[in-house]
Amino acid sequence: PALEGTRPVLVEVQALIVRLQSGATPRR
């Protein structure tokens, strides 16, 4: 529930985790 000034707005936060092979540089 985000708050913009006096107005609450519900937003969806999405996350994805991908496992990598050893030695690879992970990305953000």
mmCIF file of all heavy atoms, coordinates in Angstrom:
data_MODEL
# 
_entry.id   MODEL 
# 
loop_
_atom_site.group_PDB 
_atom_site.id 
_atom_site.type_symbol 
_atom_site.label_atom_id 
_atom_site.label_alt_id 
_atom_site.label_comp_id 
_atom_site.label_asym_id 
_atom_site.label_entity_id 
_atom_site.label_seq_id 
_atom_site.pdbx_PDB_ins_code 
_atom_site.Cartn_x 
_atom_site.Cartn_y 
_atom_site.Cartn_z 
_atom_site.occupancy 
_atom_site.B_iso_or_equiv 
_atom_site.pdbx_formal_charge 
_atom_site.auth_seq_id 
_atom_site.auth_comp_id 
_atom_site.auth_asym_id 
_atom_site.auth_atom_id 
_atom_site.pdbx_PDB_model_num 
ATOM 1   N N   . PRO A 1 1  ? 0.842  -1.215  0.000   1.00 0.00 ? 1  PRO A N   1 
ATOM 2   C CA  . PRO A 1 1  ? 0.000  0.000   0.000   1.00 0.00 ? 1  PRO A CA  1 
ATOM 3   C C   . PRO A 1 1  ? 0.871  1.257   0.000   1.00 0.00 ? 1  PRO A C   1 
ATOM 4   O O   . PRO A 1 1  ? 1.286  1.738   1.048   1.00 0.00 ? 1  PRO A O   1 
ATOM 5   C CB  . PRO A 1 1  ? -0.811 -0.143  1.297   1.00 0.00 ? 1  PRO A CB  1 
ATOM 6   C CG  . PRO A 1 1  ? 0.077  -0.936  2.197   1.00 0.00 ? 1  PRO A CG  1 
ATOM 7   C CD  . PRO A 1 1  ? 0.924  -1.822  1.341   1.00 0.00 ? 1  PRO A CD  1 
ATOM 8   N N   . ALA A 1 2  ? 1.142  1.781   -1.170  1.00 0.00 ? 2  ALA A N   1 
ATOM 9   C CA  . ALA A 1 2  ? 1.954  3.000   -1.284  1.00 0.00 ? 2  ALA A CA  1 
ATOM 10  C C   . ALA A 1 2  ? 1.124  4.216   -0.917  1.00 0.00 ? 2  ALA A C   1 
ATOM 11  O O   . ALA A 1 2  ? -0.104 4.227   -1.049  1.00 0.00 ? 2  ALA A O   1 
ATOM 12  C CB  . ALA A 1 2  ? 2.503  3.137   -2.704  1.00 0.00 ? 2  ALA A CB  1 
ATOM 13  N N   . LEU A 1 3  ? 1.813  5.247   -0.461  1.00 0.00 ? 3  LEU A N   1 
ATOM 14  C CA  . LEU A 1 3  ? 1.139  6.485   -0.076  1.00 0.00 ? 3  LEU A CA  1 
ATOM 15  C C   . LEU A 1 3  ? 1.732  7.626   -0.890  1.00 0.00 ? 3  LEU A C   1 
ATOM 16  O O   . LEU A 1 3  ? 2.909  7.950   -0.760  1.00 0.00 ? 3  LEU A O   1 
ATOM 17  C CB  . LEU A 1 3  ? 1.321  6.745   1.425   1.00 0.00 ? 3  LEU A CB  1 
ATOM 18  C CG  . LEU A 1 3  ? 0.309  7.686   2.078   1.00 0.00 ? 3  LEU A CG  1 
ATOM 19  C CD1 . LEU A 1 3  ? -1.094 7.130   1.978   1.00 0.00 ? 3  LEU A CD1 1 
ATOM 20  C CD2 . LEU A 1 3  ? 0.673  7.949   3.523   1.00 0.00 ? 3  LEU A CD2 1 
ATOM 21  N N   . GLU A 1 4  ? 0.934  8.218   -1.758  1.00 0.00 ? 4  GLU A N   1 
ATOM 22  C CA  . GLU A 1 4  ? 1.342  9.344   -2.591  1.00 0.00 ? 4  GLU A CA  1 
ATOM 23  C C   . GLU A 1 4  ? 0.617  10.581  -2.107  1.00 0.00 ? 4  GLU A C   1 
ATOM 24  O O   . GLU A 1 4  ? -0.554 10.783  -2.398  1.00 0.00 ? 4  GLU A O   1 
ATOM 25  C CB  . GLU A 1 4  ? 1.023  9.068   -4.060  1.00 0.00 ? 4  GLU A CB  1 
ATOM 26  C CG  . GLU A 1 4  ? 1.765  7.886   -4.653  1.00 0.00 ? 4  GLU A CG  1 
ATOM 27  C CD  . GLU A 1 4  ? 3.234  8.185   -4.864  1.00 0.00 ? 4  GLU A CD  1 
ATOM 28  O OE1 . GLU A 1 4  ? 3.624  9.367   -4.749  1.00 0.00 ? 4  GLU A OE1 1 
ATOM 29  O OE2 . GLU A 1 4  ? 3.999  7.246   -5.134  1.00 0.00 ? 4  GLU A OE2 1 
ATOM 30  N N   . GLY A 1 5  ? 1.320  11.420  -1.335  1.00 0.00 ? 5  GLY A N   1 
ATOM 31  C CA  . GLY A 1 5  ? 0.669  12.576  -0.733  1.00 0.00 ? 5  GLY A CA  1 
ATOM 32  C C   . GLY A 1 5  ? -0.329 12.113  0.307   1.00 0.00 ? 5  GLY A C   1 
ATOM 33  O O   . GLY A 1 5  ? 0.027  11.540  1.334   1.00 0.00 ? 5  GLY A O   1 
ATOM 34  N N   . THR A 1 6  ? -1.599 12.336  0.063   1.00 0.00 ? 6  THR A N   1 
ATOM 35  C CA  . THR A 1 6  ? -2.647 11.864  0.961   1.00 0.00 ? 6  THR A CA  1 
ATOM 36  C C   . THR A 1 6  ? -3.412 10.690  0.369   1.00 0.00 ? 6  THR A C   1 
ATOM 37  O O   . THR A 1 6  ? -4.416 10.277  0.940   1.00 0.00 ? 6  THR A O   1 
ATOM 38  C CB  . THR A 1 6  ? -3.639 13.019  1.245   1.00 0.00 ? 6  THR A CB  1 
ATOM 39  O OG1 . THR A 1 6  ? -4.217 13.460  0.004   1.00 0.00 ? 6  THR A OG1 1 
ATOM 40  C CG2 . THR A 1 6  ? -2.928 14.187  1.906   1.00 0.00 ? 6  THR A CG2 1 
ATOM 41  N N   . ARG A 1 7  ? -2.950 10.161  -0.754  1.00 0.00 ? 7  ARG A N   1 
ATOM 42  C CA  . ARG A 1 7  ? -3.708 9.145   -1.470  1.00 0.00 ? 7  ARG A CA  1 
ATOM 43  C C   . ARG A 1 7  ? -3.009 7.793   -1.375  1.00 0.00 ? 7  ARG A C   1 
ATOM 44  O O   . ARG A 1 7  ? -1.872 7.645   -1.810  1.00 0.00 ? 7  ARG A O   1 
ATOM 45  C CB  . ARG A 1 7  ? -3.837 9.550   -2.936  1.00 0.00 ? 7  ARG A CB  1 
ATOM 46  C CG  . ARG A 1 7  ? -4.644 8.578   -3.764  1.00 0.00 ? 7  ARG A CG  1 
ATOM 47  C CD  . ARG A 1 7  ? -4.739 9.057   -5.185  1.00 0.00 ? 7  ARG A CD  1 
ATOM 48  N NE  . ARG A 1 7  ? -5.911 8.544   -5.860  1.00 0.00 ? 7  ARG A NE  1 
ATOM 49  C CZ  . ARG A 1 7  ? -6.339 8.982   -7.019  1.00 0.00 ? 7  ARG A CZ  1 
ATOM 50  N NH1 . ARG A 1 7  ? -5.688 9.930   -7.642  1.00 0.00 ? 7  ARG A NH1 1 
ATOM 51  N NH2 . ARG A 1 7  ? -7.419 8.479   -7.572  1.00 0.00 ? 7  ARG A NH2 1 
ATOM 52  N N   . PRO A 1 8  ? -3.660 6.771   -0.815  1.00 0.00 ? 8  PRO A N   1 
ATOM 53  C CA  . PRO A 1 8  ? -3.072 5.426   -0.807  1.00 0.00 ? 8  PRO A CA  1 
ATOM 54  C C   . PRO A 1 8  ? -3.345 4.709   -2.122  1.00 0.00 ? 8  PRO A C   1 
ATOM 55  O O   . PRO A 1 8  ? -4.438 4.781   -2.680  1.00 0.00 ? 8  PRO A O   1 
ATOM 56  C CB  . PRO A 1 8  ? -3.781 4.732   0.358   1.00 0.00 ? 8  PRO A CB  1 
ATOM 57  C CG  . PRO A 1 8  ? -5.103 5.438   0.461   1.00 0.00 ? 8  PRO A CG  1 
ATOM 58  C CD  . PRO A 1 8  ? -4.896 6.853   -0.026  1.00 0.00 ? 8  PRO A CD  1 
ATOM 59  N N   . VAL A 1 9  ? -2.338 4.012   -2.634  1.00 0.00 ? 9  VAL A N   1 
ATOM 60  C CA  . VAL A 1 9  ? -2.444 3.261   -3.885  1.00 0.00 ? 9  VAL A CA  1 
ATOM 61  C C   . VAL A 1 9  ? -1.820 1.895   -3.665  1.00 0.00 ? 9  VAL A C   1 
ATOM 62  O O   . VAL A 1 9  ? -0.657 1.802   -3.254  1.00 0.00 ? 9  VAL A O   1 
ATOM 63  C CB  . VAL A 1 9  ? -1.738 3.983   -5.047  1.00 0.00 ? 9  VAL A CB  1 
ATOM 64  C CG1 . VAL A 1 9  ? -1.858 3.173   -6.330  1.00 0.00 ? 9  VAL A CG1 1 
ATOM 65  C CG2 . VAL A 1 9  ? -2.308 5.374   -5.251  1.00 0.00 ? 9  VAL A CG2 1 
ATOM 66  N N   . LEU A 1 10 ? -2.580 0.835   -3.917  1.00 0.00 ? 10 LEU A N   1 
ATOM 67  C CA  . LEU A 1 10 ? -2.065 -0.520  -3.773  1.00 0.00 ? 10 LEU A CA  1 
ATOM 68  C C   . LEU A 1 10 ? -1.419 -0.964  -5.074  1.00 0.00 ? 10 LEU A C   1 
ATOM 69  O O   . LEU A 1 10 ? -2.040 -0.897  -6.141  1.00 0.00 ? 10 LEU A O   1 
ATOM 70  C CB  . LEU A 1 10 ? -3.188 -1.487  -3.383  1.00 0.00 ? 10 LEU A CB  1 
ATOM 71  C CG  . LEU A 1 10 ? -3.381 -1.723  -1.868  1.00 0.00 ? 10 LEU A CG  1 
ATOM 72  C CD1 . LEU A 1 10 ? -3.808 -0.437  -1.187  1.00 0.00 ? 10 LEU A CD1 1 
ATOM 73  C CD2 . LEU A 1 10 ? -4.397 -2.816  -1.613  1.00 0.00 ? 10 LEU A CD2 1 
ATOM 74  N N   . VAL A 1 11 ? -0.166 -1.402  -4.989  1.00 0.00 ? 11 VAL A N   1 
ATOM 75  C CA  . VAL A 1 11 ? 0.574  -1.855  -6.159  1.00 0.00 ? 11 VAL A CA  1 
ATOM 76  C C   . VAL A 1 11 ? 1.155  -3.238  -5.869  1.00 0.00 ? 11 VAL A C   1 
ATOM 77  O O   . VAL A 1 11 ? 1.312  -3.638  -4.713  1.00 0.00 ? 11 VAL A O   1 
ATOM 78  C CB  . VAL A 1 11 ? 1.706  -0.880  -6.534  1.00 0.00 ? 11 VAL A CB  1 
ATOM 79  C CG1 . VAL A 1 11 ? 1.156  0.450   -6.972  1.00 0.00 ? 11 VAL A CG1 1 
ATOM 80  C CG2 . VAL A 1 11 ? 2.668  -0.698  -5.379  1.00 0.00 ? 11 VAL A CG2 1 
ATOM 81  N N   . GLU A 1 12 ? 1.471  -3.947  -6.934  1.00 0.00 ? 12 GLU A N   1 
ATOM 82  C CA  . GLU A 1 12 ? 2.019  -5.291  -6.823  1.00 0.00 ? 12 GLU A CA  1 
ATOM 83  C C   . GLU A 1 12 ? 3.516  -5.269  -7.095  1.00 0.00 ? 12 GLU A C   1 
ATOM 84  O O   . GLU A 1 12 ? 3.969  -4.738  -8.112  1.00 0.00 ? 12 GLU A O   1 
ATOM 85  C CB  . GLU A 1 12 ? 1.336  -6.235  -7.806  1.00 0.00 ? 12 GLU A CB  1 
ATOM 86  C CG  . GLU A 1 12 ? 1.840  -7.672  -7.713  1.00 0.00 ? 12 GLU A CG  1 
ATOM 87  C CD  . GLU A 1 12 ? 1.198  -8.575  -8.750  1.00 0.00 ? 12 GLU A CD  1 
ATOM 88  O OE1 . GLU A 1 12 ? 0.409  -8.063  -9.576  1.00 0.00 ? 12 GLU A OE1 1 
ATOM 89  O OE2 . GLU A 1 12 ? 1.484  -9.781  -8.745  1.00 0.00 ? 12 GLU A OE2 1 
ATOM 90  N N   . VAL A 1 13 ? 4.284  -5.821  -6.164  1.00 0.00 ? 13 VAL A N   1 
ATOM 91  C CA  . VAL A 1 13 ? 5.734  -5.951  -6.309  1.00 0.00 ? 13 VAL A CA  1 
ATOM 92  C C   . VAL A 1 13 ? 6.048  -7.391  -6.693  1.00 0.00 ? 13 VAL A C   1 
ATOM 93  O O   . VAL A 1 13 ? 5.653  -8.326  -5.987  1.00 0.00 ? 13 VAL A O   1 
ATOM 94  C CB  . VAL A 1 13 ? 6.460  -5.565  -5.006  1.00 0.00 ? 13 VAL A CB  1 
ATOM 95  C CG1 . VAL A 1 13 ? 7.965  -5.714  -5.165  1.00 0.00 ? 13 VAL A CG1 1 
ATOM 96  C CG2 . VAL A 1 13 ? 6.105  -4.148  -4.598  1.00 0.00 ? 13 VAL A CG2 1 
ATOM 97  N N   . GLN A 1 14 ? 6.752  -7.580  -7.805  1.00 0.00 ? 14 GLN A N   1 
ATOM 98  C CA  . GLN A 1 14 ? 7.059  -8.910  -8.323  1.00 0.00 ? 14 GLN A CA  1 
ATOM 99  C C   . GLN A 1 14 ? 8.562  -9.147  -8.277  1.00 0.00 ? 14 GLN A C   1 
ATOM 100 O O   . GLN A 1 14 ? 9.347  -8.262  -8.646  1.00 0.00 ? 14 GLN A O   1 
ATOM 101 C CB  . GLN A 1 14 ? 6.562  -9.053  -9.768  1.00 0.00 ? 14 GLN A CB  1 
ATOM 102 C CG  . GLN A 1 14 ? 5.071  -8.800  -9.929  1.00 0.00 ? 14 GLN A CG  1 
ATOM 103 C CD  . GLN A 1 14 ? 4.661  -8.675  -11.384 1.00 0.00 ? 14 GLN A CD  1 
ATOM 104 O OE1 . GLN A 1 14 ? 5.500  -8.510  -12.264 1.00 0.00 ? 14 GLN A OE1 1 
ATOM 105 N NE2 . GLN A 1 14 ? 3.368  -8.744  -11.632 1.00 0.00 ? 14 GLN A NE2 1 
ATOM 106 N N   . ALA A 1 15 ? 8.965  -10.348 -7.830  1.00 0.00 ? 15 ALA A N   1 
ATOM 107 C CA  . ALA A 1 15 ? 10.375 -10.729 -7.756  1.00 0.00 ? 15 ALA A CA  1 
ATOM 108 C C   . ALA A 1 15 ? 10.576 -12.083 -8.414  1.00 0.00 ? 15 ALA A C   1 
ATOM 109 O O   . ALA A 1 15 ? 9.691  -12.952 -8.354  1.00 0.00 ? 15 ALA A O   1 
ATOM 110 C CB  . ALA A 1 15 ? 10.854 -10.769 -6.307  1.00 0.00 ? 15 ALA A CB  1 
ATOM 111 N N   . LEU A 1 16 ? 11.735 -12.245 -9.035  1.00 0.00 ? 16 LEU A N   1 
ATOM 112 C CA  . LEU A 1 16 ? 12.095 -13.504 -9.696  1.00 0.00 ? 16 LEU A CA  1 
ATOM 113 C C   . LEU A 1 16 ? 13.543 -13.824 -9.368  1.00 0.00 ? 16 LEU A C   1 
ATOM 114 O O   . LEU A 1 16 ? 14.426 -12.965 -9.535  1.00 0.00 ? 16 LEU A O   1 
ATOM 115 C CB  . LEU A 1 16 ? 11.904 -13.401 -11.210 1.00 0.00 ? 16 LEU A CB  1 
ATOM 116 C CG  . LEU A 1 16 ? 12.304 -14.637 -12.031 1.00 0.00 ? 16 LEU A CG  1 
ATOM 117 C CD1 . LEU A 1 16 ? 11.431 -15.827 -11.666 1.00 0.00 ? 16 LEU A CD1 1 
ATOM 118 C CD2 . LEU A 1 16 ? 12.230 -14.341 -13.521 1.00 0.00 ? 16 LEU A CD2 1 
ATOM 119 N N   . ILE A 1 17 ? 13.785 -15.050 -8.883  1.00 0.00 ? 17 ILE A N   1 
ATOM 120 C CA  . ILE A 1 17 ? 15.122 -15.513 -8.534  1.00 0.00 ? 17 ILE A CA  1 
ATOM 121 C C   . ILE A 1 17 ? 15.502 -16.645 -9.484  1.00 0.00 ? 17 ILE A C   1 
ATOM 122 O O   . ILE A 1 17 ? 14.763 -17.632 -9.606  1.00 0.00 ? 17 ILE A O   1 
ATOM 123 C CB  . ILE A 1 17 ? 15.199 -15.996 -7.075  1.00 0.00 ? 17 ILE A CB  1 
ATOM 124 C CG1 . ILE A 1 17 ? 14.654 -14.921 -6.121  1.00 0.00 ? 17 ILE A CG1 1 
ATOM 125 C CG2 . ILE A 1 17 ? 16.624 -16.376 -6.710  1.00 0.00 ? 17 ILE A CG2 1 
ATOM 126 C CD1 . ILE A 1 17 ? 15.450 -13.649 -6.109  1.00 0.00 ? 17 ILE A CD1 1 
ATOM 127 N N   . VAL A 1 18 ? 16.644 -16.513 -10.160 1.00 0.00 ? 18 VAL A N   1 
ATOM 128 C CA  . VAL A 1 18 ? 17.117 -17.520 -11.118 1.00 0.00 ? 18 VAL A CA  1 
ATOM 129 C C   . VAL A 1 18 ? 18.485 -17.986 -10.669 1.00 0.00 ? 18 VAL A C   1 
ATOM 130 O O   . VAL A 1 18 ? 19.435 -17.194 -10.577 1.00 0.00 ? 18 VAL A O   1 
ATOM 131 C CB  . VAL A 1 18 ? 17.188 -16.940 -12.547 1.00 0.00 ? 18 VAL A CB  1 
ATOM 132 C CG1 . VAL A 1 18 ? 17.674 -18.012 -13.524 1.00 0.00 ? 18 VAL A CG1 1 
ATOM 133 C CG2 . VAL A 1 18 ? 15.832 -16.401 -12.970 1.00 0.00 ? 18 VAL A CG2 1 
ATOM 134 N N   . ARG A 1 19 ? 18.599 -19.291 -10.373 1.00 0.00 ? 19 ARG A N   1 
ATOM 135 C CA  . ARG A 1 19 ? 19.880 -19.869 -9.967  1.00 0.00 ? 19 ARG A CA  1 
ATOM 136 C C   . ARG A 1 19 ? 20.802 -20.008 -11.166 1.00 0.00 ? 19 ARG A C   1 
ATOM 137 O O   . ARG A 1 19 ? 20.383 -20.387 -12.255 1.00 0.00 ? 19 ARG A O   1 
ATOM 138 C CB  . ARG A 1 19 ? 19.661 -21.236 -9.327  1.00 0.00 ? 19 ARG A CB  1 
ATOM 139 C CG  . ARG A 1 19 ? 18.995 -21.186 -7.961  1.00 0.00 ? 19 ARG A CG  1 
ATOM 140 C CD  . ARG A 1 19 ? 19.888 -20.503 -6.952  1.00 0.00 ? 19 ARG A CD  1 
ATOM 141 N NE  . ARG A 1 19 ? 19.258 -20.423 -5.626  1.00 0.00 ? 19 ARG A NE  1 
ATOM 142 C CZ  . ARG A 1 19 ? 19.816 -19.812 -4.600  1.00 0.00 ? 19 ARG A CZ  1 
ATOM 143 N NH1 . ARG A 1 19 ? 20.988 -19.214 -4.736  1.00 0.00 ? 19 ARG A NH1 1 
ATOM 144 N NH2 . ARG A 1 19 ? 19.207 -19.779 -3.437  1.00 0.00 ? 19 ARG A NH2 1 
ATOM 145 N N   . LEU A 1 20 ? 22.096 -19.713 -10.956 1.00 0.00 ? 20 LEU A N   1 
ATOM 146 C CA  . LEU A 1 20 ? 23.084 -19.770 -12.026 1.00 0.00 ? 20 LEU A CA  1 
ATOM 147 C C   . LEU A 1 20 ? 24.103 -20.862 -11.747 1.00 0.00 ? 20 LEU A C   1 
ATOM 148 O O   . LEU A 1 20 ? 24.236 -21.362 -10.621 1.00 0.00 ? 20 LEU A O   1 
ATOM 149 C CB  . LEU A 1 20 ? 23.808 -18.423 -12.156 1.00 0.00 ? 20 LEU A CB  1 
ATOM 150 C CG  . LEU A 1 20 ? 22.953 -17.212 -12.532 1.00 0.00 ? 20 LEU A CG  1 
ATOM 151 C CD1 . LEU A 1 20 ? 23.823 -15.973 -12.563 1.00 0.00 ? 20 LEU A CD1 1 
ATOM 152 C CD2 . LEU A 1 20 ? 22.289 -17.425 -13.874 1.00 0.00 ? 20 LEU A CD2 1 
ATOM 153 N N   . GLN A 1 21 ? 24.838 -21.219 -12.805 1.00 0.00 ? 21 GLN A N   1 
ATOM 154 C CA  . GLN A 1 21 ? 25.943 -22.159 -12.629 1.00 0.00 ? 21 GLN A CA  1 
ATOM 155 C C   . GLN A 1 21 ? 27.052 -21.472 -11.847 1.00 0.00 ? 21 GLN A C   1 
ATOM 156 O O   . GLN A 1 21 ? 27.194 -20.253 -11.832 1.00 0.00 ? 21 GLN A O   1 
ATOM 157 C CB  . GLN A 1 21 ? 26.464 -22.622 -13.996 1.00 0.00 ? 21 GLN A CB  1 
ATOM 158 C CG  . GLN A 1 21 ? 25.424 -23.330 -14.842 1.00 0.00 ? 21 GLN A CG  1 
ATOM 159 C CD  . GLN A 1 21 ? 24.990 -24.647 -14.231 1.00 0.00 ? 21 GLN A CD  1 
ATOM 160 O OE1 . GLN A 1 21 ? 25.762 -25.297 -13.523 1.00 0.00 ? 21 GLN A OE1 1 
ATOM 161 N NE2 . GLN A 1 21 ? 23.752 -25.051 -14.490 1.00 0.00 ? 21 GLN A NE2 1 
ATOM 162 N N   . SER A 1 22 ? 27.863 -22.246 -11.193 1.00 0.00 ? 22 SER A N   1 
ATOM 163 C CA  . SER A 1 22 ? 28.938 -21.684 -10.378 1.00 0.00 ? 22 SER A CA  1 
ATOM 164 C C   . SER A 1 22 ? 29.920 -20.920 -11.265 1.00 0.00 ? 22 SER A C   1 
ATOM 165 O O   . SER A 1 22 ? 30.280 -21.372 -12.357 1.00 0.00 ? 22 SER A O   1 
ATOM 166 C CB  . SER A 1 22 ? 29.665 -22.808 -9.631  1.00 0.00 ? 22 SER A CB  1 
ATOM 167 O OG  . SER A 1 22 ? 30.213 -23.734 -10.554 1.00 0.00 ? 22 SER A OG  1 
ATOM 168 N N   . GLY A 1 23 ? 30.364 -19.767 -10.801 1.00 0.00 ? 23 GLY A N   1 
ATOM 169 C CA  . GLY A 1 23 ? 31.318 -18.960 -11.537 1.00 0.00 ? 23 GLY A CA  1 
ATOM 170 C C   . GLY A 1 23 ? 30.696 -17.873 -12.383 1.00 0.00 ? 23 GLY A C   1 
ATOM 171 O O   . GLY A 1 23 ? 31.402 -16.939 -12.799 1.00 0.00 ? 23 GLY A O   1 
ATOM 172 N N   . ALA A 1 24 ? 29.408 -17.974 -12.690 1.00 0.00 ? 24 ALA A N   1 
ATOM 173 C CA  . ALA A 1 24 ? 28.753 -16.951 -13.504 1.00 0.00 ? 24 ALA A CA  1 
ATOM 174 C C   . ALA A 1 24 ? 28.456 -15.715 -12.655 1.00 0.00 ? 24 ALA A C   1 
ATOM 175 O O   . ALA A 1 24 ? 28.208 -15.811 -11.454 1.00 0.00 ? 24 ALA A O   1 
ATOM 176 C CB  . ALA A 1 24 ? 27.461 -17.499 -14.102 1.00 0.00 ? 24 ALA A CB  1 
ATOM 177 N N   . THR A 1 25 ? 28.484 -14.562 -13.290 1.00 0.00 ? 25 THR A N   1 
ATOM 178 C CA  . THR A 1 25 ? 28.213 -13.301 -12.591 1.00 0.00 ? 25 THR A CA  1 
ATOM 179 C C   . THR A 1 25 ? 26.713 -13.049 -12.554 1.00 0.00 ? 25 THR A C   1 
ATOM 180 O O   . THR A 1 25 ? 26.076 -12.954 -13.606 1.00 0.00 ? 25 THR A O   1 
ATOM 181 C CB  . THR A 1 25 ? 28.916 -12.133 -13.295 1.00 0.00 ? 25 THR A CB  1 
ATOM 182 O OG1 . THR A 1 25 ? 30.318 -12.382 -13.355 1.00 0.00 ? 25 THR A OG1 1 
ATOM 183 C CG2 . THR A 1 25 ? 28.656 -10.826 -12.543 1.00 0.00 ? 25 THR A CG2 1 
ATOM 184 N N   . PRO A 1 26 ? 26.122 -12.983 -11.374 1.00 0.00 ? 26 PRO A N   1 
ATOM 185 C CA  . PRO A 1 26 ? 24.666 -12.775 -11.313 1.00 0.00 ? 26 PRO A CA  1 
ATOM 186 C C   . PRO A 1 26 ? 24.295 -11.350 -11.706 1.00 0.00 ? 26 PRO A C   1 
ATOM 187 O O   . PRO A 1 26 ? 25.072 -10.406 -11.548 1.00 0.00 ? 26 PRO A O   1 
ATOM 188 C CB  . PRO A 1 26 ? 24.334 -13.045 -9.846  1.00 0.00 ? 26 PRO A CB  1 
ATOM 189 C CG  . PRO A 1 26 ? 25.594 -12.740 -9.110  1.00 0.00 ? 26 PRO A CG  1 
ATOM 190 C CD  . PRO A 1 26 ? 26.722 -13.098 -10.033 1.00 0.00 ? 26 PRO A CD  1 
ATOM 191 N N   . ARG A 1 27 ? 23.084 -11.211 -12.200 1.00 0.00 ? 27 ARG A N   1 
ATOM 192 C CA  . ARG A 1 27 ? 22.585 -9.920  -12.648 1.00 0.00 ? 27 ARG A CA  1 
ATOM 193 C C   . ARG A 1 27 ? 21.504 -9.424  -11.706 1.00 0.00 ? 27 ARG A C   1 
ATOM 194 O O   . ARG A 1 27 ? 20.744 -10.214 -11.150 1.00 0.00 ? 27 ARG A O   1 
ATOM 195 C CB  . ARG A 1 27 ? 22.021 -10.054 -14.062 1.00 0.00 ? 27 ARG A CB  1 
ATOM 196 C CG  . ARG A 1 27 ? 21.550 -8.734  -14.662 1.00 0.00 ? 27 ARG A CG  1 
ATOM 197 C CD  . ARG A 1 27 ? 20.947 -8.947  -16.028 1.00 0.00 ? 27 ARG A CD  1 
ATOM 198 N NE  . ARG A 1 27 ? 20.446 -7.701  -16.595 1.00 0.00 ? 27 ARG A NE  1 
ATOM 199 C CZ  . ARG A 1 27 ? 19.730 -7.605  -17.701 1.00 0.00 ? 27 ARG A CZ  1 
ATOM 200 N NH1 . ARG A 1 27 ? 19.418 -8.709  -18.369 1.00 0.00 ? 27 ARG A NH1 1 
ATOM 201 N NH2 . ARG A 1 27 ? 19.315 -6.440  -18.142 1.00 0.00 ? 27 ARG A NH2 1 
ATOM 202 N N   . ARG A 1 28 ? 21.459 -8.104  -11.542 1.00 0.00 ? 28 ARG A N   1 
ATOM 203 C CA  . ARG A 1 28 ? 20.418 -7.455  -10.745 1.00 0.00 ? 28 ARG A CA  1 
ATOM 204 C C   . ARG A 1 28 ? 19.682 -6.451  -11.641 1.00 0.00 ? 28 ARG A C   1 
ATOM 205 O O   . ARG A 1 28 ? 20.291 -5.494  -12.127 1.00 0.00 ? 28 ARG A O   1 
ATOM 206 C CB  . ARG A 1 28 ? 21.016 -6.718  -9.543  1.00 0.00 ? 28 ARG A CB  1 
ATOM 207 C CG  . ARG A 1 28 ? 21.946 -7.583  -8.680  1.00 0.00 ? 28 ARG A CG  1 
ATOM 208 C CD  . ARG A 1 28 ? 21.151 -8.562  -7.846  1.00 0.00 ? 28 ARG A CD  1 
ATOM 209 N NE  . ARG A 1 28 ? 21.970 -9.235  -6.861  1.00 0.00 ? 28 ARG A NE  1 
ATOM 210 C CZ  . ARG A 1 28 ? 22.414 -10.467 -6.959  1.00 0.00 ? 28 ARG A CZ  1 
ATOM 211 N NH1 . ARG A 1 28 ? 22.135 -11.166 -8.067  1.00 0.00 ? 28 ARG A NH1 1 
ATOM 212 N NH2 . ARG A 1 28 ? 23.128 -11.030 -6.019  1.00 0.00 ? 28 ARG A NH2 1 
# 
